[in-house]
Amino acid sequence: MHDVNKINIMEDIHGVNDHIAEQVNHNLTHKGIFVVNEMGAPGIGKTSTLIGIINRLKNLKPYVIEGDIESDIDTVKLREMGVKSYQINTFGACHLDAPLIHNASNNIDFDGDGILFIENIGNLVCPAEFSIGEHIKLLICSVTEGSDKPYKYPLAFEKADIILINKVDLMDYVDFDEDFFMKGVRALNRNVPVFKVSAKTGEGFEEMTAWLEEQASRYIEAGKSHTHAHDHNHSGNHAHEYGHEHTHEHGHDVQIKVAHTHEK
């Protein structure tokens, strides 16, 4: 009996969260904002990677929501760079959720088409379980944390839409088995693009950022066209998928699937 109650409660929590996530996705899509849920373990270089991407964006504006258990160190740094950023402190909670992002996004002045980067709490478990209104999940790994992570934390790799292997400048100094790592990734997520980067040296960032900006630009334009057609032709509740194919250095096709809800 207790197990049944626990399952029902968890289903209700996820159901409410997913409903709010759809609202966040719809609202930000309407504003021309592409949302990236950035996930990774503590110390993996999430903020350094984020800064590297922001510095290489050519056509879209960056916006950031920083999630931390405590402190606003990274948000202060981003604001000093001129990036519109909003801080969320969870005070112990191991992940961000859709209600938090709904409130945070309402406090950001989106004054142009862009990418909203949401840096989730440093954790490879909980963040993968909750949708927060993102269009894609970006998972950052590192050669310094070992090559076994796809085997130990499969859900994060299953749900990732792009994977970065960071700190490749240290590849010669650590015991990282790239073949073993990629075998684990491909067993879970056959087509996910994987980029090798170094936030320290900048290696790989030009190609990866170009890929990300291309996906964002395509999606923003598709979203605008859909919104325009919807406003003129019909109203109601609908679900749509936009599939974008892109061949990168590994030769994999990437498909981004996005759900929209429309309120009457």
Protein backbone atom coordinates (compact mmCIF):
# COMPACT_ATOMS: atom_id res chain seq x y z
CA MET A 1 0.00 0.00 0.00
CA HIS A 2 2.82 2.39 0.86
CA ASP A 3 4.59 1.63 -2.42
CA VAL A 4 1.42 2.45 -4.38
CA ASN A 5 1.06 5.78 -2.58
CA LYS A 6 4.70 6.63 -3.23
CA ILE A 7 4.36 5.89 -6.94
CA ASN A 8 1.19 7.98 -7.20
CA ILE A 9 2.84 10.91 -5.44
CA MET A 10 5.90 10.78 -7.72
CA GLU A 11 3.70 10.58 -10.82
CA ASP A 12 1.79 13.63 -9.60
CA ILE A 13 5.02 15.59 -8.96
CA HIS A 14 6.37 14.79 -12.42
CA GLY A 15 2.99 15.51 -14.02
CA VAL A 16 2.76 18.99 -12.50
CA ASN A 17 6.40 19.70 -13.34
CA ASP A 18 5.97 18.59 -16.97
CA HIS A 19 2.87 20.74 -17.40
CA ILE A 20 4.73 23.84 -16.20
CA ALA A 21 7.74 22.86 -18.35
CA GLU A 22 5.48 22.88 -21.43
CA GLN A 23 4.28 26.36 -20.49
CA VAL A 24 7.88 27.58 -20.10
CA ASN A 25 8.80 26.05 -23.45
CA HIS A 26 5.82 27.65 -25.18
CA ASN A 27 6.39 31.09 -23.62
CA LEU A 28 10.09 31.21 -24.46
CA THR A 29 9.56 29.83 -27.95
CA HIS A 30 7.07 32.64 -28.58
CA LYS A 31 9.79 35.14 -27.54
CA GLY A 32 12.38 33.66 -29.91
CA ILE A 33 14.40 32.01 -27.15
CA PHE A 34 16.09 28.62 -27.55
CA VAL A 35 16.59 26.91 -24.18
CA VAL A 36 19.59 24.74 -23.31
CA ASN A 37 19.60 22.67 -20.12
CA GLU A 38 23.30 22.36 -19.24
CA MET A 39 24.05 19.32 -17.08
CA GLY A 40 27.22 17.86 -15.60
CA ALA A 41 28.95 16.78 -12.41
CA PRO A 42 30.54 19.28 -9.99
CA GLY A 43 33.90 20.56 -11.18
CA ILE A 44 33.34 19.46 -14.75
CA GLY A 45 33.73 22.97 -16.12
CA LYS A 46 30.10 23.91 -16.73
CA THR A 47 30.56 27.65 -16.25
CA SER A 48 33.90 27.78 -18.07
CA THR A 49 32.30 25.93 -20.98
CA LEU A 50 29.34 28.27 -20.90
CA ILE A 51 31.61 31.31 -21.07
CA GLY A 52 33.52 29.75 -23.96
CA ILE A 53 30.27 29.28 -25.88
CA ILE A 54 28.98 32.77 -25.10
CA ASN A 55 32.21 34.36 -26.32
CA ARG A 56 31.80 32.60 -29.68
CA LEU A 57 28.12 33.27 -30.40
CA LYS A 58 27.82 35.30 -33.58
CA ASN A 59 24.13 35.97 -34.22
CA LEU A 60 22.15 35.16 -31.07
CA LYS A 61 22.14 36.85 -27.68
CA PRO A 62 23.06 34.83 -24.58
CA TYR A 63 20.91 34.73 -21.46
CA VAL A 64 21.70 32.63 -18.40
CA ILE A 65 19.95 31.11 -15.40
CA GLU A 66 22.53 29.87 -12.90
CA GLY A 67 21.54 27.06 -10.55
CA ASP A 68 23.61 26.52 -7.41
CA ILE A 69 22.98 25.09 -3.98
CA GLU A 70 24.66 28.20 -2.52
CA SER A 71 26.45 31.37 -3.72
CA ASP A 72 26.19 33.60 -6.78
CA ILE A 73 29.87 33.56 -7.82
CA ASP A 74 29.20 32.51 -11.41
CA THR A 75 26.28 34.88 -11.86
CA VAL A 76 28.41 37.83 -10.74
CA LYS A 77 31.09 36.82 -13.24
CA LEU A 78 28.56 36.58 -16.08
CA ARG A 79 26.96 39.91 -15.23
CA GLU A 80 30.40 41.53 -15.30
CA MET A 81 30.65 40.20 -18.88
CA GLY A 82 27.40 41.99 -19.70
CA VAL A 83 25.32 38.81 -19.87
CA LYS A 84 21.78 39.00 -18.51
CA SER A 85 21.82 36.39 -15.76
CA TYR A 86 19.51 35.25 -12.98
CA GLN A 87 20.58 33.31 -9.90
CA ILE A 88 18.68 30.40 -8.36
CA ASN A 89 19.87 28.93 -5.05
CA THR A 90 18.22 25.66 -4.07
CA PHE A 91 19.71 25.50 -0.54
CA GLY A 92 20.15 21.73 -0.70
CA ALA A 93 17.91 20.54 -3.53
CA CYS A 94 19.89 18.50 -6.06
CA HIS A 95 18.25 19.80 -9.26
CA LEU A 96 16.28 22.64 -10.81
CA ASP A 97 12.63 22.14 -11.71
CA ALA A 98 10.12 23.77 -14.02
CA PRO A 99 8.42 26.03 -11.44
CA LEU A 100 11.82 27.54 -10.54
CA ILE A 101 12.60 28.18 -14.20
CA HIS A 102 9.13 29.62 -14.81
CA ASN A 103 9.69 32.18 -12.06
CA ALA A 104 13.28 32.92 -13.11
CA SER A 105 12.47 33.37 -16.80
CA ASN A 106 9.76 35.87 -15.90
CA ASN A 107 12.47 37.98 -14.27
CA ILE A 108 14.71 38.18 -17.34
CA ASP A 109 14.24 40.92 -19.92
CA PHE A 110 14.56 39.05 -23.22
CA ASP A 111 15.24 41.88 -25.66
CA GLY A 112 16.18 39.86 -28.73
CA ASP A 113 16.33 36.38 -30.21
CA GLY A 114 18.80 34.29 -28.30
CA ILE A 115 19.80 31.23 -26.33
CA LEU A 116 18.87 30.82 -22.67
CA PHE A 117 21.48 28.63 -21.00
CA ILE A 118 20.27 27.04 -17.77
CA GLU A 119 23.20 25.75 -15.74
CA ASN A 120 21.69 23.00 -13.65
CA ILE A 121 22.94 21.82 -10.26
CA GLY A 122 26.17 19.82 -10.43
CA ASN A 123 24.76 16.30 -10.48
CA LEU A 124 24.51 13.44 -13.00
CA VAL A 125 21.36 11.90 -11.52
CA CYS A 126 18.49 14.21 -10.59
CA PRO A 127 18.75 16.90 -13.33
CA ALA A 128 18.22 14.27 -16.03
CA GLU A 129 14.88 13.25 -14.48
CA PHE A 130 13.15 16.64 -14.69
CA SER A 131 12.17 18.62 -17.76
CA ILE A 132 12.55 22.35 -17.16
CA GLY A 133 11.22 23.72 -20.45
CA GLU A 134 14.39 23.15 -22.46
CA HIS A 135 14.64 22.49 -26.16
CA ILE A 136 17.82 20.45 -25.77
CA LYS A 137 19.87 18.92 -22.98
CA LEU A 138 23.62 19.58 -23.16
CA LEU A 139 25.69 17.13 -21.13
CA ILE A 140 29.27 18.00 -20.20
CA CYS A 141 31.73 15.26 -19.30
CA SER A 142 35.47 15.40 -18.70
CA VAL A 143 38.49 13.21 -19.31
CA THR A 144 39.47 13.77 -15.67
CA GLU A 145 36.37 12.06 -14.28
CA GLY A 146 37.01 8.77 -16.06
CA SER A 147 35.52 6.91 -19.00
CA ASP A 148 32.91 4.89 -17.08
CA LYS A 149 30.26 7.57 -16.61
CA PRO A 150 27.88 6.36 -19.37
CA TYR A 151 27.75 3.01 -17.61
CA LYS A 152 27.19 4.43 -14.13
CA TYR A 153 24.77 7.26 -15.00
CA PRO A 154 22.90 6.02 -18.09
CA LEU A 155 19.84 8.27 -17.87
CA ALA A 156 21.82 11.48 -18.38
CA PHE A 157 23.44 10.02 -21.50
CA GLU A 158 20.16 8.61 -22.81
CA LYS A 159 18.48 12.01 -22.63
CA ALA A 160 21.37 14.16 -23.85
CA ASP A 161 20.93 15.96 -27.18
CA ILE A 162 24.60 16.95 -27.33
CA ILE A 163 27.58 15.69 -25.31
CA LEU A 164 30.84 17.54 -24.71
CA ILE A 165 34.03 15.84 -23.57
CA ASN A 166 35.82 18.68 -21.79
CA LYS A 167 39.46 19.07 -20.68
CA VAL A 168 40.83 17.18 -23.67
CA ASP A 169 44.06 19.17 -23.21
CA LEU A 170 44.71 16.76 -20.30
CA MET A 171 44.05 13.61 -22.35
CA ASP A 172 47.73 12.57 -22.33
CA TYR A 173 47.97 12.90 -18.56
CA VAL A 174 44.95 10.93 -17.37
CA ASP A 175 43.63 7.41 -17.78
CA PHE A 176 40.70 8.09 -20.13
CA ASP A 177 39.66 5.30 -22.50
CA GLU A 178 37.86 7.16 -25.28
CA ASP A 179 36.80 4.00 -27.12
CA PHE A 180 35.26 2.55 -23.94
CA PHE A 181 33.50 5.86 -23.23
CA MET A 182 32.07 6.13 -26.75
CA LYS A 183 30.94 2.50 -26.73
CA GLY A 184 28.90 3.27 -23.62
CA VAL A 185 27.49 6.44 -25.16
CA ARG A 186 26.46 4.76 -28.40
CA ALA A 187 24.79 1.89 -26.55
CA LEU A 188 22.52 4.45 -24.90
CA ASN A 189 22.19 7.20 -27.50
CA ARG A 190 23.17 6.17 -31.02
CA ASN A 191 22.91 9.53 -32.80
CA VAL A 192 23.86 12.11 -30.19
CA PRO A 193 26.64 14.43 -31.42
CA VAL A 194 29.81 14.31 -29.31
CA PHE A 195 32.35 17.13 -29.39
CA LYS A 196 35.79 17.08 -27.80
CA VAL A 197 36.59 20.49 -26.28
CA SER A 198 38.88 22.28 -23.89
CA ALA A 199 37.56 25.27 -21.97
CA LYS A 200 41.19 26.01 -21.09
CA THR A 201 42.63 26.20 -24.62
CA GLY A 202 39.45 26.76 -26.64
CA GLU A 203 39.96 23.61 -28.66
CA GLY A 204 36.77 22.41 -30.36
CA PHE A 205 34.66 25.40 -29.32
CA GLU A 206 34.31 27.03 -32.73
CA GLU A 207 32.79 23.94 -34.32
CA MET A 208 30.62 23.06 -31.34
CA THR A 209 29.28 26.60 -30.90
CA ALA A 210 28.56 26.86 -34.63
CA TRP A 211 26.56 23.62 -34.41
CA LEU A 212 24.63 24.88 -31.38
CA GLU A 213 23.87 28.26 -32.91
CA GLU A 214 22.74 26.63 -36.15
CA GLN A 215 20.29 24.40 -34.29
CA ALA A 216 19.01 27.36 -32.25
CA SER A 217 18.58 29.59 -35.32
CA ARG A 218 16.72 26.90 -37.24
CA TYR A 219 14.43 26.25 -34.34
CA ILE A 220 13.73 29.93 -33.66
CA GLU A 221 12.79 30.51 -37.28
CA ALA A 222 10.60 27.40 -37.33
CA GLY A 223 8.93 28.50 -34.12
CA LYS A 224 8.21 31.96 -35.50
CA SER A 225 6.74 30.53 -38.70
CA HIS A 226 4.58 28.15 -36.71
CA THR A 227 3.37 30.88 -34.35
CA HIS A 228 2.55 33.16 -37.28
CA ALA A 229 0.61 30.43 -39.08
CA HIS A 230 -1.17 29.45 -35.88
CA ASP A 231 -2.26 33.01 -35.16
CA HIS A 232 -3.80 33.29 -38.62
CA ASN A 233 -5.29 29.86 -39.14
CA HIS A 234 -6.35 28.11 -35.94
CA SER A 235 -6.31 27.84 -32.17
CA GLY A 236 -6.41 24.97 -29.70
CA ASN A 237 -4.08 22.43 -28.17
CA HIS A 238 -1.50 20.88 -30.48
CA ALA A 239 1.79 19.00 -30.32
CA HIS A 240 4.41 19.49 -33.05
CA GLU A 241 7.84 18.11 -33.77
CA TYR A 242 10.57 19.90 -35.65
CA GLY A 243 13.30 17.57 -36.89
CA HIS A 244 16.63 19.08 -37.90
CA GLU A 245 19.28 16.91 -39.51
CA HIS A 246 22.92 17.89 -39.29
CA THR A 247 25.98 15.85 -40.11
CA HIS A 248 29.04 16.64 -37.99
CA GLU A 249 32.50 15.15 -37.74
CA HIS A 250 31.26 11.79 -36.48
CA GLY A 251 28.67 11.49 -39.27
CA HIS A 252 25.59 11.20 -37.04
CA ASP A 253 22.20 12.68 -37.79
CA VAL A 254 20.83 14.95 -35.11
CA GLN A 255 17.11 15.31 -34.58
CA ILE A 256 15.70 17.84 -32.17
CA LYS A 257 12.15 17.18 -31.09
CA VAL A 258 10.24 19.96 -29.39
CA ALA A 259 6.72 19.97 -28.00
CA HIS A 260 4.56 23.08 -27.97
CA THR A 261 1.29 23.64 -26.20
CA HIS A 262 -1.11 26.40 -27.15
CA GLU A 263 -3.65 27.83 -24.79
CA LYS A 264 -7.13 28.69 -25.97
